[in-house]
């Protein structure tokens, strides 16, 4: 069944005249499933599962967002928000109103305060570009094509996070349209509870139209990757774990094993084989110590070595995440201290011993991530030592094989798991069921109470949903 088949949709009972009235209020496109351009407007980076709304609004600014929220509220329709659409595989919904913020772009750098105001649909590469001439950098992630707002409000694990903490820890103010259609300028002073909850609670409380974030005085990194043959996986993983216990907070890193398909798009030496990548981002005021710090990894004899100094404007080359959309299934968990037994638990269930998963990785946490921010927020699980992420592409395997393979790997890691997850990486089939695991229990309860104040009908529920507390409303279940 193709994407234009009307049987895929359950349109709400909306008077066409009311849709026409909304179109007249909104500068951007307002599209139904029958309209040309509907599929393009709702499409995002993640193709495995996408929102299928009754109505999609391509917002051009705050006025469009307010009109869309007021329309949805008046018709008792749920609202979803989408920037680049990386997370939709886990939380995409049927029906309702989808607000696409990609047209809402813009960056204003404040050189006196070392901050930037960023519009809702802006991507990190634009912020990086605008901040660099001032000798500043944002706490952007491994892929500069991500939307700033959704990444940041879900926590935001940056290449600089072991030194500076989560991106959400560095938000100064937030402009948000809440479920009543009102635009609120949210700060620690003006709306302390809402400011706390938005930073970690993502789009549960409204549609964010812009945020003010800190920039940090970083212009150059020591970074890149070391690539090893899959035959050395056990030795490289063991060495990596020992190494992470010794590095300073300025050193962020990850280790990944990837199974390459046997296709001409990849170098002949990698086709049909596994390779292990260690990615490095060392962000110190003086980079002289970098070569000595990475020597234990280099001593293992990488077959490829791209480590060196690079401007922060080229930081996206460290992970070299694919810029094109794909059909992806992913699972994740947070881990505590790891040992050789944990490495064996992972590798015994990975290629070449098994056909799946295609990619799995560990990201080193700790450092400033483990400490509370200067202004408290809802981001939880700060005691985790590593983030484990497992990814498979649906173009290469059937979902009925991928999901059990991912589950087996996560179950094998239970002895080392903290039981928590990081919202940025919760994109698998159970993402909507696992939202509680992203927060400390008392913080989750507080989030439900804030939700009851600003969105008692759970209008914003086509997401990693936090239902409102004690409303008695059936949509809050």
Protein backbone atom coordinates (compact mmCIF):
# COMPACT_ATOMS: atom_id res chain seq x y z
CA UNK A 1 0.00 0.00 0.00
CA UNK A 2 1.62 3.31 -1.03
CA UNK A 3 1.73 6.52 0.98
CA UNK A 4 -1.14 8.11 -0.96
CA UNK A 5 -3.60 5.29 -0.22
CA UNK A 6 -6.47 6.87 1.76
CA UNK A 7 -6.99 3.62 3.70
CA UNK A 8 -3.81 4.41 5.61
CA UNK A 9 -5.44 7.43 7.20
CA UNK A 10 -8.32 7.96 9.57
CA UNK A 11 -9.19 11.58 8.84
CA UNK A 12 -10.82 13.56 11.61
CA UNK A 13 -14.32 14.87 11.07
CA UNK A 14 -13.23 18.37 10.10
CA UNK A 15 -15.38 20.79 8.15
CA UNK A 16 -13.49 21.74 4.95
CA UNK A 17 -14.57 25.32 5.51
CA UNK A 18 -12.65 25.34 8.81
CA UNK A 19 -9.56 23.98 7.10
CA UNK A 20 -9.91 26.75 4.53
CA UNK A 21 -10.13 29.30 7.35
CA UNK A 22 -6.90 27.90 8.82
CA UNK A 23 -5.21 28.12 5.42
CA UNK A 24 -6.11 31.79 5.29
CA UNK A 25 -4.52 32.38 8.71
CA UNK A 26 -1.28 30.52 8.00
CA UNK A 27 1.50 31.71 5.67
CA UNK A 28 2.99 28.23 5.25
CA UNK A 29 1.33 25.23 3.56
CA UNK A 30 -1.62 23.46 5.17
CA UNK A 31 -2.03 20.02 3.64
CA UNK A 32 -4.32 17.00 3.98
CA UNK A 33 -3.48 13.44 2.85
CA UNK A 34 -5.16 14.15 -0.48
CA UNK A 35 -3.02 17.20 -1.25
CA UNK A 36 0.03 17.22 -3.46
CA UNK A 37 3.12 17.74 -1.35
CA UNK A 38 1.66 16.10 1.76
CA UNK A 39 4.19 13.25 1.83
CA UNK A 40 7.10 15.62 1.27
CA UNK A 41 5.92 17.92 4.07
CA UNK A 42 5.66 15.12 6.62
CA UNK A 43 8.87 13.34 5.60
CA UNK A 44 11.95 13.37 7.81
CA UNK A 45 15.33 11.71 8.18
CA UNK A 46 13.81 8.53 9.60
CA UNK A 47 11.83 6.62 6.97
CA UNK A 48 10.99 3.45 8.91
CA UNK A 49 7.93 5.07 10.46
CA UNK A 50 6.55 8.53 9.80
CA UNK A 51 3.74 10.67 11.12
CA UNK A 52 0.51 10.29 9.12
CA UNK A 53 -1.46 13.32 10.29
CA UNK A 54 -4.92 14.45 9.24
CA UNK A 55 -3.37 17.84 8.67
CA UNK A 56 0.23 19.01 8.33
CA UNK A 57 1.11 22.67 8.80
CA UNK A 58 4.42 23.96 7.45
CA UNK A 59 4.89 26.77 9.95
CA UNK A 60 6.86 29.86 8.87
CA UNK A 61 6.80 31.57 12.27
CA UNK A 62 5.19 31.88 15.67
CA UNK A 63 1.85 33.11 14.28
CA UNK A 64 1.52 29.95 12.16
CA UNK A 65 2.34 27.78 15.18
CA UNK A 66 -0.27 29.52 17.32
CA UNK A 67 -2.91 29.15 14.61
CA UNK A 68 -2.15 25.42 14.21
CA UNK A 69 -2.25 24.74 17.97
CA UNK A 70 -5.51 26.68 18.40
CA UNK A 71 -7.06 24.76 15.50
CA UNK A 72 -5.98 21.41 16.93
CA UNK A 73 -7.21 22.29 20.41
CA UNK A 74 -10.62 23.46 19.12
CA UNK A 75 -11.06 20.12 17.32
CA UNK A 76 -9.64 17.95 20.13
CA UNK A 77 -6.83 16.80 17.84
CA UNK A 78 -3.40 15.71 19.11
CA UNK A 79 -0.37 17.68 17.97
CA UNK A 80 3.03 16.45 16.84
CA UNK A 81 6.07 18.61 16.15
CA UNK A 82 8.78 17.73 13.65
CA UNK A 83 12.10 19.31 12.75
CA UNK A 84 14.47 16.94 10.98
CA UNK A 85 12.38 13.89 11.91
CA UNK A 86 15.16 11.71 13.34
CA UNK A 87 13.07 10.39 16.23
CA UNK A 88 9.82 9.65 14.42
CA UNK A 89 10.47 5.90 14.10
CA UNK A 90 9.80 5.53 17.79
CA UNK A 91 6.90 7.92 18.26
CA UNK A 92 5.22 8.63 14.92
CA UNK A 93 1.45 8.74 15.19
CA UNK A 94 -1.72 8.44 13.14
CA UNK A 95 -4.04 11.40 12.75
CA UNK A 96 -3.95 14.79 14.41
CA UNK A 97 -1.99 17.86 13.38
CA UNK A 98 1.71 17.78 12.52
CA UNK A 99 3.57 21.09 12.78
CA UNK A 100 6.68 21.12 10.61
CA UNK A 101 9.14 23.76 11.86
CA UNK A 102 11.82 23.44 9.17
CA UNK A 103 11.00 26.83 7.64
CA UNK A 104 11.55 28.59 10.97
CA UNK A 105 15.30 29.19 10.77
CA UNK A 106 17.69 31.83 12.01
CA UNK A 107 20.57 32.45 14.42
CA UNK A 108 21.51 35.59 16.35
CA UNK A 109 24.88 35.44 18.14
CA UNK A 110 25.33 37.68 21.20
CA UNK A 111 29.05 38.30 21.49
CA UNK A 112 28.83 40.01 24.87
CA UNK A 113 26.95 37.14 26.52
CA UNK A 114 28.48 34.26 24.50
CA UNK A 115 24.99 33.07 23.61
CA UNK A 116 22.91 32.48 20.50
CA UNK A 117 19.18 32.75 19.93
CA UNK A 118 18.12 29.95 17.59
CA UNK A 119 14.80 29.59 15.75
CA UNK A 120 12.86 26.34 15.97
CA UNK A 121 13.82 24.72 12.68
CA UNK A 122 17.49 25.69 12.64
CA UNK A 123 20.10 22.96 12.29
CA UNK A 124 23.40 22.81 14.09
CA UNK A 125 25.53 23.46 11.01
CA UNK A 126 24.01 26.96 10.75
CA UNK A 127 24.76 27.72 14.41
CA UNK A 128 28.32 26.39 14.04
CA UNK A 129 28.83 28.62 11.00
CA UNK A 130 27.50 31.75 12.72
CA UNK A 131 29.42 31.20 15.97
CA UNK A 132 32.82 30.32 14.50
CA UNK A 133 33.94 33.84 13.46
CA UNK A 134 33.59 34.90 17.11
CA UNK A 135 35.77 32.00 18.30
CA UNK A 136 32.75 30.22 19.77
CA UNK A 137 31.02 26.87 19.32
CA UNK A 138 27.67 25.33 20.34
CA UNK A 139 27.24 22.03 22.17
CA UNK A 140 26.23 20.29 18.96
CA UNK A 141 26.09 16.55 18.45
CA UNK A 142 27.95 14.18 16.18
CA UNK A 143 25.75 15.07 13.19
CA UNK A 144 25.54 18.79 12.37
CA UNK A 145 22.38 18.27 10.30
CA UNK A 146 20.23 17.71 13.41
CA UNK A 147 17.63 20.29 14.44
CA UNK A 148 18.86 22.31 17.43
CA UNK A 149 15.64 22.48 19.47
CA UNK A 150 14.58 18.83 19.54
CA UNK A 151 18.16 17.65 20.17
CA UNK A 152 18.74 20.14 22.99
CA UNK A 153 15.44 19.70 24.81
CA UNK A 154 15.89 15.91 24.82
CA UNK A 155 19.20 16.36 26.65
CA UNK A 156 21.73 16.76 23.88
CA UNK A 157 24.87 14.59 24.02
CA UNK A 158 27.56 16.76 22.45
CA UNK A 159 31.08 16.18 21.23
CA UNK A 160 31.97 18.56 24.08
CA UNK A 161 29.65 17.16 26.75
CA UNK A 162 32.20 15.45 28.98
CA UNK A 163 33.74 18.89 29.46
CA UNK A 164 30.59 21.04 29.53
CA UNK A 165 27.62 18.76 30.28
CA UNK A 166 24.41 18.21 28.32
CA UNK A 167 23.27 20.83 25.83
CA UNK A 168 20.07 21.16 27.89
CA UNK A 169 22.22 22.36 30.80
CA UNK A 170 23.14 25.43 28.73
CA UNK A 171 19.72 26.81 27.77
CA UNK A 172 19.08 30.38 28.91
CA UNK A 173 15.50 30.93 27.73
CA UNK A 174 12.78 29.28 25.65
CA UNK A 175 9.92 30.70 23.57
CA UNK A 176 7.07 28.18 23.51
CA UNK A 177 3.45 28.06 22.37
CA UNK A 178 1.55 26.08 24.97
CA UNK A 179 -1.68 24.13 24.49
CA UNK A 180 -3.82 27.23 25.11
CA UNK A 181 -2.24 28.89 22.07
CA UNK A 182 -0.31 31.39 24.16
CA UNK A 183 3.31 32.31 23.43
CA UNK A 184 5.37 32.28 26.62
CA UNK A 185 8.93 33.49 27.11
CA UNK A 186 10.18 30.93 29.60
CA UNK A 187 13.14 31.48 31.91
CA UNK A 188 14.16 30.34 35.35
CA UNK A 189 12.58 33.51 36.74
CA UNK A 190 9.37 33.75 34.68
CA UNK A 191 8.17 30.12 34.65
CA UNK A 192 10.54 28.09 36.85
CA UNK A 193 8.63 24.78 36.67
CA UNK A 194 8.07 24.98 32.92
CA UNK A 195 11.70 25.99 32.35
CA UNK A 196 12.83 22.99 34.38
CA UNK A 197 10.52 20.59 32.52
CA UNK A 198 11.13 21.75 28.97
CA UNK A 199 14.85 21.12 29.39
CA UNK A 200 14.62 17.34 29.24
CA UNK A 201 10.88 16.98 28.58
CA UNK A 202 11.17 17.95 24.93
CA UNK A 203 7.86 18.74 23.15
CA UNK A 204 5.50 17.58 25.89
CA UNK A 205 4.54 21.08 26.98
CA UNK A 206 4.18 22.97 23.73
CA UNK A 207 5.77 23.94 20.43
CA UNK A 208 9.09 25.68 20.99
CA UNK A 209 9.60 28.51 18.50
CA UNK A 210 13.10 29.51 19.63
CA UNK A 211 15.71 29.03 22.35
CA UNK A 212 18.65 30.97 23.72
CA UNK A 213 21.72 28.78 24.31
CA UNK A 214 25.24 29.18 25.65
CA UNK A 215 28.20 29.11 23.30
CA UNK A 216 31.63 27.98 24.49
CA UNK A 217 35.12 29.27 23.59
CA UNK A 218 36.19 26.38 21.38
CA UNK A 219 37.62 26.88 17.89
CA UNK A 220 39.73 23.75 17.39
CA UNK A 221 39.49 20.08 18.36
CA UNK A 222 41.86 17.18 18.23
CA UNK A 223 39.68 14.57 16.64
CA UNK A 224 38.99 11.97 14.01
CA UNK A 225 38.79 8.18 14.02
CA UNK A 226 40.87 5.05 14.27
CA UNK A 227 39.64 2.09 12.25
CA UNK A 228 40.54 -1.51 13.08
CA UNK A 229 39.71 -4.81 11.38
CA UNK A 230 36.85 -6.73 12.94
CA UNK A 231 39.20 -9.56 13.87
CA UNK A 232 40.66 -7.27 16.55
CA UNK A 233 37.28 -6.33 18.02
CA UNK A 234 37.73 -8.02 21.43
CA UNK A 235 41.18 -6.50 21.96
CA UNK A 236 40.13 -3.05 20.81
CA UNK A 237 36.98 -3.00 22.96
CA UNK A 238 38.89 -4.20 26.04
CA UNK A 239 41.62 -1.62 25.52
CA UNK A 240 39.04 1.11 24.91
CA UNK A 241 37.27 0.38 28.22
CA UNK A 242 40.54 0.52 30.16
CA UNK A 243 41.51 3.69 28.32
CA UNK A 244 38.26 5.55 29.12
CA UNK A 245 38.94 5.05 32.82
CA UNK A 246 42.10 7.16 32.49
CA UNK A 247 41.20 10.08 30.22
CA UNK A 248 40.43 13.66 31.33
CA UNK A 249 36.99 15.26 31.03
CA UNK A 250 38.10 17.10 27.90
CA UNK A 251 38.22 13.78 26.04
CA UNK A 252 34.95 12.54 24.51
CA UNK A 253 34.88 9.31 22.50
CA UNK A 254 32.95 6.31 21.30
CA UNK A 255 33.64 2.87 19.89
CA UNK A 256 31.54 1.29 17.16
CA UNK A 257 31.53 -1.96 15.23
CA UNK A 258 29.95 -1.80 11.79
CA UNK A 259 29.16 -4.65 9.42
CA UNK A 260 29.65 -3.37 5.88
CA UNK A 261 27.41 -4.64 3.09
CA UNK A 262 29.09 -6.23 0.12
CA UNK A 263 28.37 -3.39 -2.31
CA UNK A 264 30.58 -1.13 -4.48
CA UNK A 265 29.74 1.95 -2.39
CA UNK A 266 32.36 0.86 0.17
CA UNK A 267 36.10 0.18 -0.21
CA UNK A 268 36.82 -3.33 -1.41
CA UNK A 269 38.75 -4.15 1.77
CA UNK A 270 35.62 -3.53 3.87
CA UNK A 271 32.89 -5.10 1.74
CA UNK A 272 31.13 -7.91 3.58
CA UNK A 273 33.38 -7.48 6.63
CA UNK A 274 33.31 -5.90 10.07
CA UNK A 275 35.38 -2.95 11.20
CA UNK A 276 35.75 -1.26 14.58
CA UNK A 277 35.89 2.53 14.75
CA UNK A 278 37.06 4.60 17.72
CA UNK A 279 35.93 8.22 17.37
CA UNK A 280 37.78 10.94 19.29
CA UNK A 281 36.93 14.56 20.16
CA UNK A 282 39.45 16.17 22.51
CA UNK A 283 38.41 19.71 23.44
CA UNK A 284 41.06 21.21 25.70
CA UNK A 285 42.34 24.75 25.89
CA UNK A 286 45.75 23.39 24.85
CA UNK A 287 45.83 20.35 22.55
CA UNK A 288 49.48 19.39 23.11
CA UNK A 289 48.61 16.36 25.26
CA UNK A 290 46.37 14.77 22.62
CA UNK A 291 48.95 12.56 20.91
CA UNK A 292 50.08 11.01 24.19
CA UNK A 293 46.48 10.45 25.33
CA UNK A 294 45.56 8.38 22.27
CA UNK A 295 48.79 6.37 22.14
CA UNK A 296 47.30 3.24 23.89
CA UNK A 297 44.74 3.02 21.09
CA UNK A 298 47.18 3.72 18.31
CA UNK A 299 49.46 0.97 19.67
CA UNK A 300 46.87 -1.59 18.55
CA UNK A 301 47.74 -0.89 14.91
CA UNK A 302 44.75 0.76 13.21
CA UNK A 303 44.34 0.21 9.49
CA UNK A 304 43.12 3.80 9.15
CA UNK A 305 44.01 6.85 11.29
CA UNK A 306 42.48 10.30 10.70
CA UNK A 307 43.30 11.82 14.09
CA UNK A 308 44.60 15.37 14.10
CA UNK A 309 43.68 18.97 14.81
CA UNK A 310 40.65 20.28 12.99
CA UNK A 311 38.48 23.38 13.24
CA UNK A 312 35.17 22.91 15.05
CA UNK A 313 33.44 23.78 11.79
CA UNK A 314 34.63 20.36 10.54
CA UNK A 315 33.62 18.43 13.69
CA UNK A 316 30.93 16.56 11.75
CA UNK A 317 33.68 14.65 9.94
CA UNK A 318 34.57 12.76 13.14
CA UNK A 319 31.47 10.57 13.05
CA UNK A 320 30.66 11.18 9.37
CA UNK A 321 27.00 10.26 9.96
CA UNK A 322 25.11 9.75 6.68
CA UNK A 323 23.26 12.93 5.64
CA UNK A 324 20.55 11.12 3.70
CA UNK A 325 17.32 9.61 5.11
CA UNK A 326 17.11 5.89 5.81
CA UNK A 327 14.99 3.02 7.09
CA UNK A 328 16.46 2.43 10.54
CA UNK A 329 15.57 0.44 13.63
CA UNK A 330 17.48 1.30 16.79
CA UNK A 331 17.56 0.31 20.45
CA UNK A 332 19.44 1.77 23.37
CA UNK A 333 20.28 1.49 27.06
CA UNK A 334 22.55 3.19 29.57
CA UNK A 335 25.28 1.22 31.27
CA UNK A 336 27.40 1.49 34.39
CA UNK A 337 30.99 0.28 34.78
CA UNK A 338 31.95 -2.30 32.15
CA UNK A 339 34.47 -5.12 32.07
CA UNK A 340 35.74 -7.87 29.79
CA UNK A 341 32.63 -9.96 30.46
CA UNK A 342 30.45 -7.14 29.15
CA UNK A 343 32.53 -6.96 25.99
CA UNK A 344 32.12 -10.72 25.46
CA UNK A 345 28.35 -10.44 26.05
CA UNK A 346 28.16 -7.91 23.22
CA UNK A 347 30.54 -9.50 20.76
CA UNK A 348 29.13 -13.03 21.15
CA UNK A 349 25.82 -11.76 19.77
CA UNK A 350 27.31 -9.64 17.00
CA UNK A 351 28.69 -10.35 13.53
CA UNK A 352 30.46 -12.51 12.53
CA UNK A 353 28.82 -14.78 15.13
CA UNK A 354 25.37 -13.49 14.15
CA UNK A 355 24.03 -11.71 11.07
CA UNK A 356 22.65 -8.78 13.11
CA UNK A 357 22.94 -6.04 14.26
CA UNK A 358 24.58 -3.96 11.57
CA UNK A 359 26.00 -1.35 13.96
CA UNK A 360 26.50 -1.15 17.69
CA UNK A 361 28.39 1.39 19.74
CA UNK A 362 29.40 2.56 23.17
CA UNK A 363 29.63 6.30 23.91
CA UNK A 364 31.69 7.30 26.90
CA UNK A 365 29.75 9.43 29.40
CA UNK A 366 30.86 10.72 32.82
CA UNK A 367 32.84 13.89 33.32
CA UNK A 368 30.62 16.98 33.53
CA UNK A 369 27.65 14.87 32.37
CA UNK A 370 27.62 13.19 35.78
CA UNK A 371 27.23 16.45 37.68
CA UNK A 372 24.08 18.51 38.24
CA UNK A 373 23.79 21.63 36.06
CA UNK A 374 24.01 25.17 37.45
CA UNK A 375 20.26 25.49 36.87
CA UNK A 376 18.44 22.20 37.52
CA UNK A 377 16.54 20.48 34.70
CA UNK A 378 14.72 17.21 34.01
CA UNK A 379 17.55 15.33 32.25
CA UNK A 380 18.02 12.11 34.21
CA UNK A 381 20.38 9.14 34.54
CA UNK A 382 23.47 11.24 35.13
CA UNK A 383 25.19 8.36 36.91
CA UNK A 384 25.53 6.30 33.70
CA UNK A 385 29.03 5.61 32.46
CA UNK A 386 28.28 4.55 28.89
CA UNK A 387 25.51 4.84 26.34
CA UNK A 388 24.92 1.67 24.31
CA UNK A 389 23.20 2.03 20.98
CA UNK A 390 22.39 -0.67 18.44
CA UNK A 391 21.22 0.05 14.89
CA UNK A 392 20.14 -2.02 11.89
CA UNK A 393 18.94 -0.93 8.49
CA UNK A 394 15.69 -2.32 7.16
CA UNK A 395 17.05 -2.27 3.61
CA UNK A 396 19.41 -5.08 4.67
CA UNK A 397 17.26 -7.23 6.96
CA UNK A 398 13.64 -7.86 7.87
CA UNK A 399 12.21 -6.15 10.93
CA UNK A 400 11.08 -9.53 12.29
CA UNK A 401 14.75 -10.53 12.49
CA UNK A 402 16.12 -7.16 13.60
CA UNK A 403 13.97 -6.65 16.68
CA UNK A 404 14.73 -10.04 18.30
CA UNK A 405 18.45 -9.56 17.58
CA UNK A 406 18.45 -6.15 19.26
CA UNK A 407 16.47 -7.53 22.20
CA UNK A 408 18.93 -10.38 22.73
CA UNK A 409 21.83 -7.94 22.87
CA UNK A 410 20.09 -5.64 25.37
CA UNK A 411 19.12 -8.61 27.53
CA UNK A 412 22.74 -9.81 27.56
CA UNK A 413 23.76 -6.42 28.94
CA UNK A 414 21.25 -6.39 31.80
CA UNK A 415 23.94 -7.15 34.44
CA UNK A 416 25.65 -3.87 33.52
CA UNK A 417 22.58 -1.78 32.70
CA UNK A 418 21.44 1.13 34.87
CA UNK A 419 17.88 0.61 33.61
CA UNK A 420 17.86 4.11 32.17
CA UNK A 421 17.84 5.57 28.67
CA UNK A 422 18.70 8.86 27.01
CA UNK A 423 15.78 10.42 25.18
CA UNK A 424 17.87 11.45 22.15
CA UNK A 425 18.49 7.80 21.29
CA UNK A 426 15.06 6.29 22.03
CA UNK A 427 13.94 5.57 18.48
CA UNK A 428 12.99 1.88 18.53
CA UNK A 429 9.63 0.14 18.61
CA UNK A 430 9.30 0.41 22.40
CA UNK A 431 10.31 4.08 22.65
CA UNK A 432 6.84 5.27 23.63
CA UNK A 433 6.66 2.65 26.41
CA UNK A 434 10.09 3.47 27.81
CA UNK A 435 9.74 7.20 28.41
CA UNK A 436 9.83 6.81 32.22
CA UNK A 437 13.29 5.28 31.95
CA UNK A 438 14.71 8.61 30.73
CA UNK A 439 14.03 10.26 34.11
CA UNK A 440 14.61 9.83 37.78
CA UNK A 441 11.30 8.64 39.33
CA UNK A 442 10.63 11.81 41.35
CA UNK A 443 11.45 13.95 38.32
CA UNK A 444 9.04 11.97 36.15
CA UNK A 445 6.28 12.59 38.69
CA UNK A 446 7.09 16.31 38.67
CA UNK A 447 6.94 16.33 34.86
CA UNK A 448 3.43 14.83 34.91
CA UNK A 449 2.35 17.54 37.34
CA UNK A 450 3.75 20.32 35.15
CA UNK A 451 2.06 18.69 32.17
CA UNK A 452 -1.27 18.84 34.01
CA UNK A 453 -0.86 22.61 34.34
CA UNK A 454 0.15 23.46 30.78
CA UNK A 455 -1.39 20.61 28.76
CA UNK A 456 -4.12 18.96 30.88
CA UNK A 457 -5.77 17.35 27.81
CA UNK A 458 -2.47 15.89 26.60
CA UNK A 459 -2.75 17.69 23.27
CA UNK A 460 0.99 17.17 22.78
CA UNK A 461 0.99 13.38 22.92
CA UNK A 462 2.34 12.22 19.56
CA UNK A 463 5.84 12.16 21.00
CA UNK A 464 7.88 10.59 23.80
CA UNK A 465 4.80 11.24 25.84
CA UNK A 466 4.55 12.27 29.46
CA UNK A 467 0.84 12.17 30.40
CA UNK A 468 -0.63 14.78 32.73
CA UNK A 469 -1.06 13.75 36.35
CA UNK A 470 -4.48 13.16 37.89
CA UNK A 471 -6.62 14.68 35.17
CA UNK A 472 -9.00 11.79 34.68
CA UNK A 473 -8.75 12.49 30.96
CA UNK A 474 -8.78 9.32 28.82
CA UNK A 475 -6.17 10.79 26.44
CA UNK A 476 -3.72 11.06 29.33
CA UNK A 477 -3.43 7.31 29.77
